[in-house]
Amino acid sequence: MLVNTNYSIGWHVMYVKSRTEKKVHESLLEMSIGSFLPLIKTVRKWSDRKKVVLQPLFPSYVFVNINSSLDFYKALSISGACAYIRFGNQYATVREEEINSIKILIGAEDIQGLVVDQQIPEVGDKRTISYGPLCGLECEVLNINNTNKIIVRINSIQQSLTAVIPSYYLQDAV
């Protein structure tokens, strides 16, 4: 039997069975394996009521912080875990900065800040957010109205997140 050891220490993306993300996340934490499951509030509507529920930002994905080969394989033994996401021969890894960016984004409920004089960006411009809870994230301008729709790219898992922020929060990318 050939064992693949093309993994590295750090954050990996685990693919899990549909609707088992929370159970897998809790099981990983019980096993003392670092885990992160970004959840967002969504409104679910039924014929008789509306309810706010927490749903995974990335359906069927759980981020796992691997510290040893034992953790790497132990995490796969959890009920609901399918496999680590791979691109070619390499397991998908996520930098700590990207995990922190996702944490900042899902924690950003009300973005407020000082108004500064700045040139209005153009669609397609690459900018850096300079104020508020998303400060430091690099983004691309998608649309310009009274506010800008920006796209925050999480390249290592080939996913994108969209947020609406005021234009004065943006500065030229470095």
N, C-alpha and C. Protein backbone atom coordinates (compact mmCIF):
# COMPACT_ATOMS: atom_id res chain seq x y z
N MET A 1 0.84 -1.19 0.00
CA MET A 1 0.00 0.00 0.00
C MET A 1 0.89 1.24 0.00
N LEU A 2 0.62 2.15 -0.91
CA LEU A 2 1.39 3.38 -1.03
C LEU A 2 0.69 4.48 -0.25
N VAL A 3 1.41 5.12 0.67
CA VAL A 3 0.85 6.20 1.48
C VAL A 3 1.31 7.53 0.91
N ASN A 4 0.37 8.41 0.61
CA ASN A 4 0.69 9.72 0.06
C ASN A 4 1.02 10.67 1.20
N THR A 5 2.19 11.27 1.16
CA THR A 5 2.60 12.20 2.22
C THR A 5 2.83 13.61 1.66
N ASN A 6 2.07 14.00 0.65
CA ASN A 6 2.21 15.33 0.05
C ASN A 6 1.44 16.39 0.82
N TYR A 7 1.36 16.28 2.10
CA TYR A 7 0.66 17.28 2.90
C TYR A 7 1.70 18.07 3.68
N SER A 8 1.27 19.18 4.21
CA SER A 8 2.16 20.00 5.01
C SER A 8 1.45 20.40 6.30
N ILE A 9 2.24 20.87 7.24
CA ILE A 9 1.68 21.36 8.49
C ILE A 9 0.93 22.66 8.19
N GLY A 10 -0.24 22.85 8.78
CA GLY A 10 -1.01 24.09 8.58
C GLY A 10 -2.45 23.79 8.26
N TRP A 11 -3.13 24.78 7.73
CA TRP A 11 -4.56 24.67 7.44
C TRP A 11 -4.80 23.94 6.13
N HIS A 12 -5.67 22.96 6.17
CA HIS A 12 -6.09 22.21 4.99
C HIS A 12 -7.60 22.31 4.85
N VAL A 13 -8.10 22.02 3.66
CA VAL A 13 -9.53 22.07 3.39
C VAL A 13 -10.04 20.65 3.27
N MET A 14 -10.99 20.29 4.13
CA MET A 14 -11.57 18.94 4.11
C MET A 14 -12.95 19.01 3.47
N TYR A 15 -13.19 18.10 2.54
CA TYR A 15 -14.51 17.95 1.94
C TYR A 15 -15.29 16.98 2.81
N VAL A 16 -16.52 17.38 3.19
CA VAL A 16 -17.36 16.54 4.05
C VAL A 16 -18.70 16.31 3.37
N LYS A 17 -19.43 15.30 3.85
CA LYS A 17 -20.75 15.01 3.31
C LYS A 17 -21.66 16.23 3.50
N SER A 18 -22.59 16.38 2.58
CA SER A 18 -23.52 17.50 2.63
C SER A 18 -24.27 17.54 3.95
N ARG A 19 -24.36 18.72 4.53
CA ARG A 19 -25.09 18.99 5.76
C ARG A 19 -24.49 18.34 7.02
N THR A 20 -23.22 17.93 6.94
CA THR A 20 -22.56 17.36 8.13
C THR A 20 -21.42 18.26 8.61
N GLU A 21 -21.33 19.47 8.05
CA GLU A 21 -20.22 20.35 8.37
C GLU A 21 -20.10 20.63 9.87
N LYS A 22 -21.21 20.94 10.52
CA LYS A 22 -21.18 21.27 11.95
C LYS A 22 -20.78 20.07 12.79
N LYS A 23 -21.28 18.89 12.45
CA LYS A 23 -20.93 17.68 13.20
C LYS A 23 -19.44 17.36 13.06
N VAL A 24 -18.93 17.46 11.85
CA VAL A 24 -17.50 17.19 11.62
C VAL A 24 -16.66 18.21 12.38
N HIS A 25 -17.03 19.48 12.32
CA HIS A 25 -16.31 20.54 13.03
C HIS A 25 -16.27 20.25 14.53
N GLU A 26 -17.41 19.91 15.12
CA GLU A 26 -17.48 19.62 16.55
C GLU A 26 -16.65 18.38 16.90
N SER A 27 -16.70 17.36 16.06
CA SER A 27 -15.91 16.13 16.29
C SER A 27 -14.42 16.42 16.25
N LEU A 28 -13.98 17.26 15.31
CA LEU A 28 -12.57 17.63 15.23
C LEU A 28 -12.13 18.33 16.51
N LEU A 29 -12.95 19.25 16.99
CA LEU A 29 -12.61 19.97 18.22
C LEU A 29 -12.57 19.02 19.42
N GLU A 30 -13.48 18.05 19.48
CA GLU A 30 -13.47 17.06 20.56
C GLU A 30 -12.20 16.22 20.54
N MET A 31 -11.64 16.00 19.35
CA MET A 31 -10.41 15.23 19.20
C MET A 31 -9.17 16.11 19.36
N SER A 32 -9.35 17.35 19.76
CA SER A 32 -8.27 18.33 19.92
C SER A 32 -7.51 18.62 18.63
N ILE A 33 -8.24 18.60 17.53
CA ILE A 33 -7.68 18.97 16.23
C ILE A 33 -8.27 20.32 15.86
N GLY A 34 -7.41 21.27 15.53
CA GLY A 34 -7.87 22.61 15.19
C GLY A 34 -8.80 22.59 13.99
N SER A 35 -9.93 23.28 14.12
CA SER A 35 -10.92 23.29 13.06
C SER A 35 -11.57 24.66 12.98
N PHE A 36 -11.97 25.04 11.78
CA PHE A 36 -12.65 26.31 11.57
C PHE A 36 -13.77 26.09 10.57
N LEU A 37 -14.98 26.46 10.97
CA LEU A 37 -16.15 26.36 10.11
C LEU A 37 -16.80 27.74 10.04
N PRO A 38 -16.55 28.51 8.97
CA PRO A 38 -17.17 29.83 8.86
C PRO A 38 -18.67 29.71 8.61
N LEU A 39 -19.46 30.33 9.48
CA LEU A 39 -20.92 30.29 9.38
C LEU A 39 -21.44 31.70 9.13
N ILE A 40 -22.50 31.79 8.31
CA ILE A 40 -23.14 33.07 8.06
C ILE A 40 -24.63 32.95 8.37
N LYS A 41 -25.21 34.08 8.76
CA LYS A 41 -26.64 34.11 9.05
C LYS A 41 -27.41 34.26 7.75
N THR A 42 -28.41 33.40 7.58
CA THR A 42 -29.30 33.51 6.43
C THR A 42 -30.73 33.41 6.91
N VAL A 43 -31.63 34.00 6.18
CA VAL A 43 -33.05 33.93 6.53
C VAL A 43 -33.69 32.82 5.71
N ARG A 44 -34.27 31.86 6.40
CA ARG A 44 -34.99 30.75 5.75
C ARG A 44 -36.46 31.06 5.86
N LYS A 45 -37.19 30.89 4.78
CA LYS A 45 -38.61 31.23 4.76
C LYS A 45 -39.43 29.97 4.53
N TRP A 46 -40.38 29.76 5.42
CA TRP A 46 -41.35 28.69 5.27
C TRP A 46 -42.71 29.33 5.02
N SER A 47 -43.72 28.53 4.76
CA SER A 47 -45.04 29.10 4.47
C SER A 47 -45.62 29.84 5.67
N ASP A 48 -45.25 29.44 6.89
CA ASP A 48 -45.84 30.05 8.08
C ASP A 48 -44.90 30.94 8.88
N ARG A 49 -43.61 30.96 8.56
CA ARG A 49 -42.68 31.76 9.36
C ARG A 49 -41.35 31.97 8.63
N LYS A 50 -40.57 32.89 9.18
CA LYS A 50 -39.20 33.12 8.74
C LYS A 50 -38.30 32.85 9.93
N LYS A 51 -37.10 32.34 9.67
CA LYS A 51 -36.17 32.04 10.74
C LYS A 51 -34.75 32.35 10.29
N VAL A 52 -33.96 32.93 11.18
CA VAL A 52 -32.55 33.18 10.89
C VAL A 52 -31.76 31.94 11.31
N VAL A 53 -31.01 31.37 10.37
CA VAL A 53 -30.21 30.17 10.66
C VAL A 53 -28.76 30.42 10.27
N LEU A 54 -27.87 29.69 10.92
CA LEU A 54 -26.45 29.74 10.58
C LEU A 54 -26.16 28.65 9.57
N GLN A 55 -25.57 29.03 8.43
CA GLN A 55 -25.21 28.07 7.40
C GLN A 55 -23.73 28.23 7.06
N PRO A 56 -23.09 27.15 6.62
CA PRO A 56 -21.68 27.25 6.24
C PRO A 56 -21.48 28.21 5.08
N LEU A 57 -20.44 29.03 5.18
CA LEU A 57 -20.09 29.95 4.10
C LEU A 57 -19.66 29.16 2.86
N PHE A 58 -18.92 28.07 3.08
CA PHE A 58 -18.49 27.19 1.99
C PHE A 58 -19.13 25.82 2.24
N PRO A 59 -20.26 25.52 1.59
CA PRO A 59 -20.92 24.23 1.83
C PRO A 59 -19.99 23.05 1.55
N SER A 60 -20.03 22.08 2.44
CA SER A 60 -19.25 20.83 2.37
C SER A 60 -17.75 21.01 2.61
N TYR A 61 -17.32 22.18 3.09
CA TYR A 61 -15.91 22.41 3.42
C TYR A 61 -15.76 22.70 4.90
N VAL A 62 -14.73 22.12 5.50
CA VAL A 62 -14.31 22.43 6.86
C VAL A 62 -12.80 22.64 6.81
N PHE A 63 -12.31 23.69 7.45
CA PHE A 63 -10.88 23.96 7.49
C PHE A 63 -10.29 23.23 8.69
N VAL A 64 -9.20 22.49 8.46
CA VAL A 64 -8.57 21.69 9.51
C VAL A 64 -7.12 22.13 9.66
N ASN A 65 -6.71 22.40 10.92
CA ASN A 65 -5.34 22.81 11.20
C ASN A 65 -4.54 21.56 11.56
N ILE A 66 -3.66 21.14 10.66
CA ILE A 66 -2.89 19.92 10.82
C ILE A 66 -1.55 20.25 11.47
N ASN A 67 -1.26 19.55 12.58
CA ASN A 67 0.01 19.74 13.27
C ASN A 67 0.93 18.52 13.18
N SER A 68 0.38 17.37 12.75
CA SER A 68 1.19 16.17 12.64
C SER A 68 0.53 15.20 11.66
N SER A 69 1.28 14.18 11.26
CA SER A 69 0.70 13.18 10.36
C SER A 69 -0.43 12.43 11.05
N LEU A 70 -0.34 12.28 12.36
CA LEU A 70 -1.40 11.61 13.11
C LEU A 70 -2.70 12.41 12.99
N ASP A 71 -2.63 13.73 13.15
CA ASP A 71 -3.82 14.58 13.00
C ASP A 71 -4.39 14.48 11.59
N PHE A 72 -3.51 14.44 10.60
CA PHE A 72 -3.92 14.40 9.20
C PHE A 72 -4.83 13.20 8.94
N TYR A 73 -4.43 12.03 9.41
CA TYR A 73 -5.19 10.82 9.15
C TYR A 73 -6.33 10.63 10.16
N LYS A 74 -6.13 11.08 11.41
CA LYS A 74 -7.17 10.98 12.43
C LYS A 74 -8.41 11.78 12.03
N ALA A 75 -8.19 12.93 11.44
CA ALA A 75 -9.31 13.78 11.01
C ALA A 75 -10.17 13.09 9.95
N LEU A 76 -9.54 12.29 9.11
CA LEU A 76 -10.29 11.59 8.06
C LEU A 76 -11.15 10.45 8.61
N SER A 77 -10.87 10.01 9.85
CA SER A 77 -11.63 8.91 10.44
C SER A 77 -12.97 9.36 11.01
N ILE A 78 -13.23 10.65 11.04
CA ILE A 78 -14.47 11.18 11.60
C ILE A 78 -15.63 10.88 10.65
N SER A 79 -16.75 10.50 11.24
CA SER A 79 -17.95 10.24 10.45
C SER A 79 -18.37 11.50 9.71
N GLY A 80 -18.56 11.41 8.41
CA GLY A 80 -18.93 12.55 7.58
C GLY A 80 -17.77 13.12 6.80
N ALA A 81 -16.54 12.86 7.24
CA ALA A 81 -15.36 13.36 6.52
C ALA A 81 -15.14 12.50 5.28
N CYS A 82 -14.90 13.15 4.15
CA CYS A 82 -14.69 12.40 2.90
C CYS A 82 -13.22 12.39 2.48
N ALA A 83 -12.66 13.57 2.26
CA ALA A 83 -11.28 13.66 1.78
C ALA A 83 -10.80 15.08 1.91
N TYR A 84 -9.49 15.26 1.81
CA TYR A 84 -8.92 16.59 1.74
C TYR A 84 -8.99 17.06 0.29
N ILE A 85 -9.25 18.33 0.10
CA ILE A 85 -9.29 18.90 -1.25
C ILE A 85 -7.86 18.93 -1.79
N ARG A 86 -7.74 18.55 -3.06
CA ARG A 86 -6.44 18.53 -3.72
C ARG A 86 -6.52 19.28 -5.04
N PHE A 87 -5.40 19.84 -5.42
CA PHE A 87 -5.24 20.43 -6.74
C PHE A 87 -4.04 19.72 -7.35
N GLY A 88 -4.32 18.81 -8.26
CA GLY A 88 -3.26 17.96 -8.81
C GLY A 88 -2.75 17.02 -7.75
N ASN A 89 -1.43 16.99 -7.53
CA ASN A 89 -0.82 16.11 -6.53
C ASN A 89 -0.81 16.71 -5.14
N GLN A 90 -1.07 18.01 -5.04
CA GLN A 90 -0.90 18.72 -3.77
C GLN A 90 -2.23 18.92 -3.05
N TYR A 91 -2.20 18.74 -1.74
CA TYR A 91 -3.36 19.04 -0.91
C TYR A 91 -3.50 20.56 -0.84
N ALA A 92 -4.74 21.03 -0.90
CA ALA A 92 -5.00 22.47 -0.80
C ALA A 92 -4.64 22.94 0.60
N THR A 93 -3.83 23.96 0.67
CA THR A 93 -3.49 24.56 1.96
C THR A 93 -3.97 26.00 1.95
N VAL A 94 -4.28 26.48 3.13
CA VAL A 94 -4.77 27.84 3.29
C VAL A 94 -3.84 28.54 4.26
N ARG A 95 -3.36 29.72 3.88
CA ARG A 95 -2.48 30.47 4.76
C ARG A 95 -3.26 30.99 5.96
N GLU A 96 -2.57 31.18 7.06
CA GLU A 96 -3.17 31.71 8.29
C GLU A 96 -3.82 33.07 8.02
N GLU A 97 -3.20 33.90 7.16
CA GLU A 97 -3.75 35.21 6.84
C GLU A 97 -5.11 35.08 6.16
N GLU A 98 -5.26 34.08 5.31
CA GLU A 98 -6.54 33.88 4.63
C GLU A 98 -7.62 33.41 5.61
N ILE A 99 -7.25 32.56 6.55
CA ILE A 99 -8.20 32.14 7.59
C ILE A 99 -8.62 33.36 8.40
N ASN A 100 -7.67 34.21 8.76
CA ASN A 100 -7.99 35.42 9.51
C ASN A 100 -8.87 36.36 8.69
N SER A 101 -8.63 36.45 7.39
CA SER A 101 -9.46 37.29 6.52
C SER A 101 -10.90 36.79 6.50
N ILE A 102 -11.09 35.50 6.44
CA ILE A 102 -12.44 34.93 6.46
C ILE A 102 -13.09 35.22 7.80
N LYS A 103 -12.33 35.07 8.89
CA LYS A 103 -12.87 35.37 10.22
C LYS A 103 -13.30 36.82 10.32
N ILE A 104 -12.48 37.73 9.77
CA ILE A 104 -12.82 39.15 9.78
C ILE A 104 -14.09 39.38 8.97
N LEU A 105 -14.18 38.77 7.79
CA LEU A 105 -15.32 38.99 6.90
C LEU A 105 -16.62 38.49 7.52
N ILE A 106 -16.63 37.32 8.11
CA ILE A 106 -17.88 36.81 8.67
C ILE A 106 -18.26 37.50 9.97
N GLY A 107 -17.28 38.18 10.59
CA GLY A 107 -17.56 38.91 11.81
C GLY A 107 -17.99 40.34 11.54
N ALA A 108 -17.91 40.77 10.29
CA ALA A 108 -18.23 42.16 9.93
C ALA A 108 -19.73 42.31 9.77
N GLU A 109 -20.41 42.76 10.81
CA GLU A 109 -21.86 42.94 10.75
C GLU A 109 -22.22 44.36 10.36
N ASP A 110 -21.55 45.34 10.96
CA ASP A 110 -21.86 46.74 10.69
C ASP A 110 -20.54 47.47 10.44
N ILE A 111 -20.31 47.85 9.20
CA ILE A 111 -19.05 48.48 8.84
C ILE A 111 -19.24 49.99 8.88
N GLN A 112 -18.51 50.69 9.78
CA GLN A 112 -18.59 52.13 9.89
C GLN A 112 -17.18 52.69 10.05
N GLY A 113 -16.98 53.94 9.66
CA GLY A 113 -15.65 54.54 9.81
C GLY A 113 -15.65 55.99 9.41
N LEU A 114 -14.49 56.58 9.42
CA LEU A 114 -14.33 57.99 9.06
C LEU A 114 -14.39 58.15 7.54
N VAL A 115 -14.96 59.27 7.10
CA VAL A 115 -15.00 59.56 5.67
C VAL A 115 -13.73 60.33 5.33
N VAL A 116 -13.01 59.86 4.32
CA VAL A 116 -11.82 60.56 3.86
C VAL A 116 -11.98 60.87 2.38
N ASP A 117 -11.35 61.93 1.94
CA ASP A 117 -11.44 62.32 0.53
C ASP A 117 -10.56 61.39 -0.30
N GLN A 118 -11.15 60.78 -1.32
CA GLN A 118 -10.41 59.85 -2.16
C GLN A 118 -11.02 59.79 -3.55
N GLN A 119 -10.18 59.52 -4.52
CA GLN A 119 -10.65 59.38 -5.89
C GLN A 119 -11.50 58.11 -6.00
N ILE A 120 -12.62 58.20 -6.73
CA ILE A 120 -13.51 57.05 -6.90
C ILE A 120 -12.79 55.99 -7.75
N PRO A 121 -12.77 54.74 -7.28
CA PRO A 121 -12.10 53.69 -8.06
C PRO A 121 -12.91 53.30 -9.29
N GLU A 122 -12.29 52.60 -10.20
CA GLU A 122 -12.96 52.11 -11.40
C GLU A 122 -13.18 50.61 -11.28
N VAL A 123 -14.17 50.09 -12.00
CA VAL A 123 -14.44 48.66 -12.02
C VAL A 123 -13.19 47.92 -12.49
N GLY A 124 -12.81 46.89 -11.77
CA GLY A 124 -11.63 46.12 -12.12
C GLY A 124 -10.39 46.51 -11.35
N ASP A 125 -10.43 47.68 -10.68
CA ASP A 125 -9.27 48.13 -9.89
C ASP A 125 -9.00 47.15 -8.75
N LYS A 126 -7.72 46.95 -8.50
CA LYS A 126 -7.29 46.18 -7.33
C LYS A 126 -7.03 47.19 -6.22
N ARG A 127 -7.65 46.99 -5.08
CA ARG A 127 -7.52 47.91 -3.96
C ARG A 127 -7.28 47.15 -2.66
N THR A 128 -6.90 47.91 -1.64
CA THR A 128 -6.75 47.38 -0.28
C THR A 128 -7.74 48.12 0.61
N ILE A 129 -8.44 47.39 1.46
CA ILE A 129 -9.39 48.01 2.38
C ILE A 129 -8.60 48.61 3.53
N SER A 130 -8.82 49.92 3.79
CA SER A 130 -7.99 50.62 4.77
C SER A 130 -8.70 50.96 6.07
N TYR A 131 -10.01 50.73 6.17
CA TYR A 131 -10.76 51.04 7.39
C TYR A 131 -11.72 49.91 7.74
N GLY A 132 -12.12 49.86 8.99
CA GLY A 132 -13.16 48.92 9.43
C GLY A 132 -12.63 47.52 9.68
N PRO A 133 -13.55 46.59 9.94
CA PRO A 133 -13.17 45.23 10.30
C PRO A 133 -12.50 44.44 9.18
N LEU A 134 -12.63 44.90 7.93
CA LEU A 134 -12.00 44.21 6.80
C LEU A 134 -10.64 44.81 6.45
N CYS A 135 -10.15 45.70 7.30
CA CYS A 135 -8.90 46.41 7.06
C CYS A 135 -7.77 45.43 6.72
N GLY A 136 -7.04 45.73 5.64
CA GLY A 136 -5.90 44.92 5.25
C GLY A 136 -6.19 43.92 4.14
N LEU A 137 -7.46 43.65 3.85
CA LEU A 137 -7.79 42.69 2.80
C LEU A 137 -7.61 43.33 1.43
N GLU A 138 -7.08 42.54 0.50
CA GLU A 138 -6.99 43.00 -0.88
C GLU A 138 -8.25 42.58 -1.60
N CYS A 139 -8.72 43.43 -2.53
CA CYS A 139 -9.98 43.15 -3.19
C CYS A 139 -9.98 43.69 -4.61
N GLU A 140 -11.02 43.34 -5.34
CA GLU A 140 -11.21 43.85 -6.69
C GLU A 140 -12.58 44.50 -6.75
N VAL A 141 -12.68 45.71 -7.32
CA VAL A 141 -13.94 46.43 -7.42
C VAL A 141 -14.80 45.79 -8.51
N LEU A 142 -16.04 45.42 -8.15
CA LEU A 142 -16.95 44.81 -9.11
C LEU A 142 -17.96 45.79 -9.70
N ASN A 143 -18.41 46.73 -8.87
CA ASN A 143 -19.47 47.62 -9.30
C ASN A 143 -19.34 48.93 -8.53
N ILE A 144 -19.79 50.02 -9.13
CA ILE A 144 -19.72 51.31 -8.45
C ILE A 144 -21.10 51.94 -8.47
N ASN A 145 -21.64 52.15 -7.28
CA ASN A 145 -22.89 52.91 -7.09
C ASN A 145 -22.59 53.91 -5.99
N ASN A 146 -23.47 54.02 -5.01
CA ASN A 146 -23.16 54.81 -3.83
C ASN A 146 -22.16 54.05 -2.97
N THR A 147 -22.15 52.76 -3.10
CA THR A 147 -21.18 51.91 -2.41
C THR A 147 -20.50 51.05 -3.45
N ASN A 148 -19.41 50.44 -3.08
CA ASN A 148 -18.69 49.56 -4.00
C ASN A 148 -18.92 48.12 -3.60
N LYS A 149 -19.17 47.29 -4.58
CA LYS A 149 -19.16 45.86 -4.32
C LYS A 149 -17.73 45.42 -4.55
N ILE A 150 -17.14 44.79 -3.56
CA ILE A 150 -15.78 44.35 -3.71
C ILE A 150 -15.76 42.83 -3.63
N ILE A 151 -14.75 42.25 -4.23
CA ILE A 151 -14.61 40.81 -4.17
C ILE A 151 -13.33 40.48 -3.43
N VAL A 152 -13.43 39.63 -2.43
CA VAL A 152 -12.28 39.21 -1.65
C VAL A 152 -11.94 37.81 -2.13
N ARG A 153 -10.81 37.66 -2.74
CA ARG A 153 -10.43 36.37 -3.31
C ARG A 153 -9.67 35.53 -2.28
N ILE A 154 -10.11 34.31 -2.12
CA ILE A 154 -9.41 33.34 -1.28
C ILE A 154 -8.85 32.32 -2.27
N ASN A 155 -7.69 32.63 -2.84
CA ASN A 155 -7.15 31.88 -3.96
C ASN A 155 -6.82 30.42 -3.65
N SER A 156 -6.39 30.13 -2.45
CA SER A 156 -5.91 28.77 -2.20
C SER A 156 -7.01 27.73 -2.25
N ILE A 157 -8.28 28.12 -2.09
CA ILE A 157 -9.37 27.15 -2.23
C ILE A 157 -10.24 27.48 -3.43
N GLN A 158 -9.81 28.42 -4.23
CA GLN A 158 -10.50 28.83 -5.44
C GLN A 158 -11.97 29.15 -5.18
N GLN A 159 -12.20 29.98 -4.17
CA GLN A 159 -13.54 30.46 -3.81
C GLN A 159 -13.48 31.98 -3.73
N SER A 160 -14.64 32.62 -3.83
CA SER A 160 -14.70 34.08 -3.73
C SER A 160 -15.79 34.48 -2.75
N LEU A 161 -15.57 35.59 -2.06
CA LEU A 161 -16.54 36.16 -1.15
C LEU A 161 -16.85 37.57 -1.61
N THR A 162 -18.08 38.03 -1.47
CA THR A 162 -18.45 39.37 -1.88
C THR A 162 -18.96 40.16 -0.68
N ALA A 163 -18.54 41.41 -0.60
CA ALA A 163 -18.99 42.30 0.48
C ALA A 163 -19.28 43.66 -0.12
N VAL A 164 -20.18 44.42 0.50
CA VAL A 164 -20.49 45.77 0.06
C VAL A 164 -19.91 46.74 1.08
N ILE A 165 -19.03 47.63 0.61
CA ILE A 165 -18.41 48.60 1.51
C ILE A 165 -18.37 49.96 0.85
N PRO A 166 -18.26 51.04 1.63
CA PRO A 166 -18.16 52.40 1.05
C PRO A 166 -16.84 52.58 0.29
N SER A 167 -16.87 53.42 -0.74
CA SER A 167 -15.68 53.63 -1.57
C SER A 167 -14.53 54.25 -0.79
N TYR A 168 -14.83 55.02 0.27
CA TYR A 168 -13.76 55.66 1.01
C TYR A 168 -12.99 54.69 1.90
N TYR A 169 -13.41 53.44 1.95
CA TYR A 169 -12.65 52.42 2.68
C TYR A 169 -11.51 51.84 1.84
N LEU A 170 -11.47 52.19 0.55
CA LEU A 170 -10.51 51.59 -0.37
C LEU A 170 -9.32 52.52 -0.62
N GLN A 171 -8.14 51.92 -0.69
CA GLN A 171 -6.94 52.66 -1.08
C GLN A 171 -6.25 51.84 -2.16
N ASP A 172 -5.34 52.47 -2.91
CA ASP A 172 -4.63 51.76 -3.96
C ASP A 172 -3.90 50.55 -3.38
N ALA A 173 -3.93 49.44 -4.11
CA ALA A 173 -3.25 48.23 -3.67
C ALA A 173 -1.74 48.46 -3.69
N VAL A 174 -1.06 47.82 -2.78
CA VAL A 174 0.38 47.99 -2.67
C VAL A 174 1.11 47.01 -3.51
